[in-house]
Amino acid sequence: MRAGLAILAAFSVYALACAPAAAACYGTNSKTKQRQAVHEIYGGTHPKRYFAQATHDPGTGRPQIIYYSRYSAVPAYFKGFVRHHECCHHLGNSNEIAANCCALRRMNLSSSGLAALRRYIVSRDVNSQTKVDYHGQGSAFWSKTASRCLG
């Protein structure tokens, strides 16, 4: 019994030490103006069909990211991009392309990871299903991102 617990404890420490940690996401509380961790909320739908949205809790002012139902159906690498993109909005990047650049810097992707992200954005025309034109859709959106961020 003790040996089993020791193995379980050792494995737990190994898993925690080796698991990739998500980059911390902080923002400014809209009421107190203090920096604090962003509260991440999953679920619901958005009338404009966003994947996610950087916003603040109306009562407390705490920065938050709300992940909508479309987010659950995308690959993990695109989820990472969306999360970093929304975190970057909380860091003061109000422009969509600037938030993309910030997200790409935070992700520090390999060339193959960057290629996979580009393929997904272009092939899925990811913004075409939203009711907002983010500086172009699919390839135009990526092209603007790449020219500004990867120049």
C-alpha atoms as a PDB file:
ATOM      1  CA  MET A   1       0.000   0.000   0.000  1.00  0.00           C
ATOM      2  CA  ARG A   2       2.769   2.435   0.980  1.00  0.00           C
ATOM      3  CA  ALA A   3       4.744   1.616  -2.158  1.00  0.00           C
ATOM      4  CA  GLY A   4       1.660   2.324  -4.268  1.00  0.00           C
ATOM      5  CA  LEU A   5       1.149   5.697  -2.570  1.00  0.00           C
ATOM      6  CA  ALA A   6       4.831   6.565  -2.991  1.00  0.00           C
ATOM      7  CA  ILE A   7       4.663   5.737  -6.707  1.00  0.00           C
ATOM      8  CA  LEU A   8       1.460   7.740  -7.073  1.00  0.00           C
ATOM      9  CA  ALA A   9       3.013  10.705  -5.245  1.00  0.00           C
ATOM     10  CA  ALA A  10       6.172  10.530  -7.377  1.00  0.00           C
ATOM     11  CA  PHE A  11       4.114  10.353 -10.575  1.00  0.00           C
ATOM     12  CA  SER A  12       1.985  13.299  -9.459  1.00  0.00           C
ATOM     13  CA  VAL A  13       5.087  15.422  -8.816  1.00  0.00           C
ATOM     14  CA  TYR A  14       6.512  14.371 -12.212  1.00  0.00           C
ATOM     15  CA  ALA A  15       3.245  15.191 -14.010  1.00  0.00           C
ATOM     16  CA  LEU A  16       2.996  18.594 -12.360  1.00  0.00           C
ATOM     17  CA  ALA A  17       6.636  19.424 -13.014  1.00  0.00           C
ATOM     18  CA  CYS A  18       6.525  18.342 -16.651  1.00  0.00           C
ATOM     19  CA  ALA A  19       3.061  19.527 -17.655  1.00  0.00           C
ATOM     20  CA  PRO A  20       3.217  22.655 -19.800  1.00  0.00           C
ATOM     21  CA  ALA A  21       1.779  25.522 -17.809  1.00  0.00           C
ATOM     22  CA  ALA A  22      -0.472  27.992 -19.555  1.00  0.00           C
ATOM     23  CA  ALA A  23       1.051  31.440 -19.616  1.00  0.00           C
ATOM     24  CA  ALA A  24      -0.380  33.643 -16.917  1.00  0.00           C
ATOM     25  CA  CYS A  25      -3.027  36.044 -18.091  1.00  0.00           C
ATOM     26  CA  TYR A  26      -3.455  39.340 -16.254  1.00  0.00           C
ATOM     27  CA  GLY A  27      -5.496  42.435 -16.844  1.00  0.00           C
ATOM     28  CA  THR A  28      -6.548  45.617 -15.105  1.00  0.00           C
ATOM     29  CA  ASN A  29      -9.674  45.670 -12.986  1.00  0.00           C
ATOM     30  CA  SER A  30     -11.967  48.253 -14.594  1.00  0.00           C
ATOM     31  CA  LYS A  31     -13.158  49.534 -11.200  1.00  0.00           C
ATOM     32  CA  THR A  32     -10.092  49.390  -8.924  1.00  0.00           C
ATOM     33  CA  LYS A  33      -7.477  49.869 -11.699  1.00  0.00           C
ATOM     34  CA  GLN A  34      -5.426  47.139  -9.997  1.00  0.00           C
ATOM     35  CA  ARG A  35      -3.691  44.380 -11.967  1.00  0.00           C
ATOM     36  CA  GLN A  36      -5.180  40.959 -11.344  1.00  0.00           C
ATOM     37  CA  ALA A  37      -5.487  37.491 -12.842  1.00  0.00           C
ATOM     38  CA  VAL A  38      -8.060  37.187 -15.605  1.00  0.00           C
ATOM     39  CA  HIS A  39     -11.056  35.014 -14.775  1.00  0.00           C
ATOM     40  CA  GLU A  40     -11.632  32.534 -17.620  1.00  0.00           C
ATOM     41  CA  ILE A  41     -15.230  31.380 -18.185  1.00  0.00           C
ATOM     42  CA  TYR A  42     -16.353  28.622 -20.545  1.00  0.00           C
ATOM     43  CA  GLY A  43     -19.753  28.206 -22.176  1.00  0.00           C
ATOM     44  CA  GLY A  44     -22.581  30.019 -23.842  1.00  0.00           C
ATOM     45  CA  THR A  45     -23.038  31.497 -27.261  1.00  0.00           C
ATOM     46  CA  HIS A  46     -22.333  34.949 -28.590  1.00  0.00           C
ATOM     47  CA  PRO A  47     -24.734  36.755 -30.963  1.00  0.00           C
ATOM     48  CA  LYS A  48     -21.801  37.679 -33.243  1.00  0.00           C
ATOM     49  CA  ARG A  49     -20.410  34.096 -33.129  1.00  0.00           C
ATOM     50  CA  TYR A  50     -17.082  34.968 -31.502  1.00  0.00           C
ATOM     51  CA  PHE A  51     -14.725  32.233 -30.295  1.00  0.00           C
ATOM     52  CA  ALA A  52     -14.019  34.239 -27.154  1.00  0.00           C
ATOM     53  CA  GLN A  53     -14.190  37.753 -25.788  1.00  0.00           C
ATOM     54  CA  ALA A  54     -12.035  39.816 -23.438  1.00  0.00           C
ATOM     55  CA  THR A  55     -14.319  41.742 -21.127  1.00  0.00           C
ATOM     56  CA  HIS A  56     -14.805  42.721 -17.472  1.00  0.00           C
ATOM     57  CA  ASP A  57     -17.224  41.510 -14.836  1.00  0.00           C
ATOM     58  CA  PRO A  58     -19.883  44.247 -14.676  1.00  0.00           C
ATOM     59  CA  GLY A  59     -20.187  43.982 -10.883  1.00  0.00           C
ATOM     60  CA  THR A  60     -16.597  43.612  -9.707  1.00  0.00           C
ATOM     61  CA  GLY A  61     -14.646  44.965 -12.679  1.00  0.00           C
ATOM     62  CA  ARG A  62     -12.449  41.856 -12.740  1.00  0.00           C
ATOM     63  CA  PRO A  63     -10.959  41.189 -16.185  1.00  0.00           C
ATOM     64  CA  GLN A  64     -12.350  38.061 -17.781  1.00  0.00           C
ATOM     65  CA  ILE A  65     -12.262  36.021 -20.945  1.00  0.00           C
ATOM     66  CA  ILE A  66     -15.462  34.290 -21.960  1.00  0.00           C
ATOM     67  CA  TYR A  67     -14.968  31.292 -24.240  1.00  0.00           C
ATOM     68  CA  TYR A  68     -18.066  30.624 -26.329  1.00  0.00           C
ATOM     69  CA  SER A  69     -19.338  27.340 -27.796  1.00  0.00           C
ATOM     70  CA  ARG A  70     -17.347  27.676 -31.068  1.00  0.00           C
ATOM     71  CA  TYR A  71     -14.131  27.560 -29.015  1.00  0.00           C
ATOM     72  CA  SER A  72     -14.742  23.984 -27.868  1.00  0.00           C
ATOM     73  CA  ALA A  73     -14.678  22.629 -31.437  1.00  0.00           C
ATOM     74  CA  VAL A  74     -11.274  23.972 -32.559  1.00  0.00           C
ATOM     75  CA  PRO A  75      -7.841  22.298 -32.349  1.00  0.00           C
ATOM     76  CA  ALA A  76      -5.688  22.871 -29.265  1.00  0.00           C
ATOM     77  CA  TYR A  77      -3.119  25.044 -31.067  1.00  0.00           C
ATOM     78  CA  PHE A  78      -5.876  27.402 -32.247  1.00  0.00           C
ATOM     79  CA  LYS A  79      -7.366  27.468 -28.738  1.00  0.00           C
ATOM     80  CA  GLY A  80      -3.941  28.549 -27.498  1.00  0.00           C
ATOM     81  CA  PHE A  81      -3.829  31.329 -30.074  1.00  0.00           C
ATOM     82  CA  VAL A  82      -7.339  32.517 -29.144  1.00  0.00           C
ATOM     83  CA  ARG A  83      -6.492  32.500 -25.421  1.00  0.00           C
ATOM     84  CA  HIS A  84      -3.277  34.455 -25.927  1.00  0.00           C
ATOM     85  CA  HIS A  85      -5.060  36.840 -28.314  1.00  0.00           C
ATOM     86  CA  GLU A  86      -7.710  37.618 -25.670  1.00  0.00           C
ATOM     87  CA  CYS A  87      -5.057  37.932 -22.943  1.00  0.00           C
ATOM     88  CA  CYS A  88      -3.288  40.442 -25.174  1.00  0.00           C
ATOM     89  CA  HIS A  89      -6.460  42.539 -25.322  1.00  0.00           C
ATOM     90  CA  HIS A  90      -6.298  42.695 -21.513  1.00  0.00           C
ATOM     91  CA  LEU A  91      -2.678  43.833 -21.829  1.00  0.00           C
ATOM     92  CA  GLY A  92      -3.830  46.869 -23.805  1.00  0.00           C
ATOM     93  CA  ASN A  93      -3.805  45.665 -27.415  1.00  0.00           C
ATOM     94  CA  SER A  94      -7.178  46.942 -28.591  1.00  0.00           C
ATOM     95  CA  ASN A  95      -6.497  46.429 -32.303  1.00  0.00           C
ATOM     96  CA  GLU A  96      -7.142  42.874 -33.567  1.00  0.00           C
ATOM     97  CA  ILE A  97      -3.922  42.630 -35.553  1.00  0.00           C
ATOM     98  CA  ALA A  98      -1.874  44.001 -32.632  1.00  0.00           C
ATOM     99  CA  ALA A  99      -3.485  41.370 -30.387  1.00  0.00           C
ATOM    100  CA  ASN A 100      -2.528  38.708 -32.965  1.00  0.00           C
ATOM    101  CA  CYS A 101       1.098  39.913 -32.935  1.00  0.00           C
ATOM    102  CA  CYS A 102       1.161  39.865 -29.144  1.00  0.00           C
ATOM    103  CA  ALA A 103      -0.344  36.345 -29.120  1.00  0.00           C
ATOM    104  CA  LEU A 104       2.240  35.060 -31.589  1.00  0.00           C
ATOM    105  CA  ARG A 105       5.063  36.527 -29.470  1.00  0.00           C
ATOM    106  CA  ARG A 106       3.647  34.909 -26.327  1.00  0.00           C
ATOM    107  CA  MET A 107       3.251  31.532 -28.040  1.00  0.00           C
ATOM    108  CA  ASN A 108       6.779  31.487 -29.505  1.00  0.00           C
ATOM    109  CA  LEU A 109       5.736  28.897 -32.105  1.00  0.00           C
ATOM    110  CA  SER A 110       8.105  26.807 -34.165  1.00  0.00           C
ATOM    111  CA  SER A 111       7.935  27.291 -37.928  1.00  0.00           C
ATOM    112  CA  SER A 112       5.766  24.162 -38.223  1.00  0.00           C
ATOM    113  CA  GLY A 113       3.459  25.408 -35.457  1.00  0.00           C
ATOM    114  CA  LEU A 114       3.147  28.758 -37.171  1.00  0.00           C
ATOM    115  CA  ALA A 115       2.418  27.001 -40.484  1.00  0.00           C
ATOM    116  CA  ALA A 116      -0.306  24.886 -38.849  1.00  0.00           C
ATOM    117  CA  LEU A 117      -1.915  27.994 -37.362  1.00  0.00           C
ATOM    118  CA  ARG A 118      -1.806  29.772 -40.725  1.00  0.00           C
ATOM    119  CA  ARG A 119      -3.310  26.766 -42.525  1.00  0.00           C
ATOM    120  CA  TYR A 120      -6.140  26.568 -40.018  1.00  0.00           C
ATOM    121  CA  ILE A 121      -6.979  30.273 -40.142  1.00  0.00           C
ATOM    122  CA  VAL A 122      -6.898  30.369 -43.953  1.00  0.00           C
ATOM    123  CA  SER A 123      -8.566  27.019 -44.705  1.00  0.00           C
ATOM    124  CA  ARG A 124     -11.339  27.483 -42.156  1.00  0.00           C
ATOM    125  CA  ASP A 125     -11.761  31.147 -43.030  1.00  0.00           C
ATOM    126  CA  VAL A 126     -12.140  31.512 -39.258  1.00  0.00           C
ATOM    127  CA  ASN A 127     -13.583  35.003 -39.145  1.00  0.00           C
ATOM    128  CA  SER A 128     -16.075  34.511 -41.961  1.00  0.00           C
ATOM    129  CA  GLN A 129     -18.607  33.049 -39.545  1.00  0.00           C
ATOM    130  CA  THR A 130     -18.552  36.065 -37.260  1.00  0.00           C
ATOM    131  CA  LYS A 131     -20.777  39.054 -37.853  1.00  0.00           C
ATOM    132  CA  VAL A 132     -17.814  41.402 -37.648  1.00  0.00           C
ATOM    133  CA  ASP A 133     -15.144  41.951 -40.290  1.00  0.00           C
ATOM    134  CA  TYR A 134     -11.791  41.764 -38.504  1.00  0.00           C
ATOM    135  CA  HIS A 135      -9.590  43.472 -41.076  1.00  0.00           C
ATOM    136  CA  GLY A 136     -10.559  40.835 -43.627  1.00  0.00           C
ATOM    137  CA  GLN A 137     -11.455  37.199 -43.401  1.00  0.00           C
ATOM    138  CA  GLY A 138      -9.304  34.067 -43.577  1.00  0.00           C
ATOM    139  CA  SER A 139      -6.334  34.681 -45.873  1.00  0.00           C
ATOM    140  CA  ALA A 140      -6.671  38.482 -45.757  1.00  0.00           C
ATOM    141  CA  PHE A 141      -6.718  38.386 -41.955  1.00  0.00           C
ATOM    142  CA  TRP A 142      -3.646  36.135 -41.856  1.00  0.00           C
ATOM    143  CA  SER A 143      -1.864  38.179 -44.500  1.00  0.00           C
ATOM    144  CA  LYS A 144      -2.290  41.376 -42.474  1.00  0.00           C
ATOM    145  CA  THR A 145      -1.184  39.549 -39.332  1.00  0.00           C
ATOM    146  CA  ALA A 146       1.886  38.046 -41.017  1.00  0.00           C
ATOM    147  CA  SER A 147       2.987  41.283 -42.674  1.00  0.00           C
ATOM    148  CA  ARG A 148       2.759  43.202 -39.413  1.00  0.00           C
ATOM    149  CA  CYS A 149       3.930  40.526 -36.983  1.00  0.00           C
ATOM    150  CA  LEU A 150       6.313  38.325 -38.904  1.00  0.00           C
ATOM    151  CA  GLY A 151       7.632  40.953 -41.316  1.00  0.00           C
END
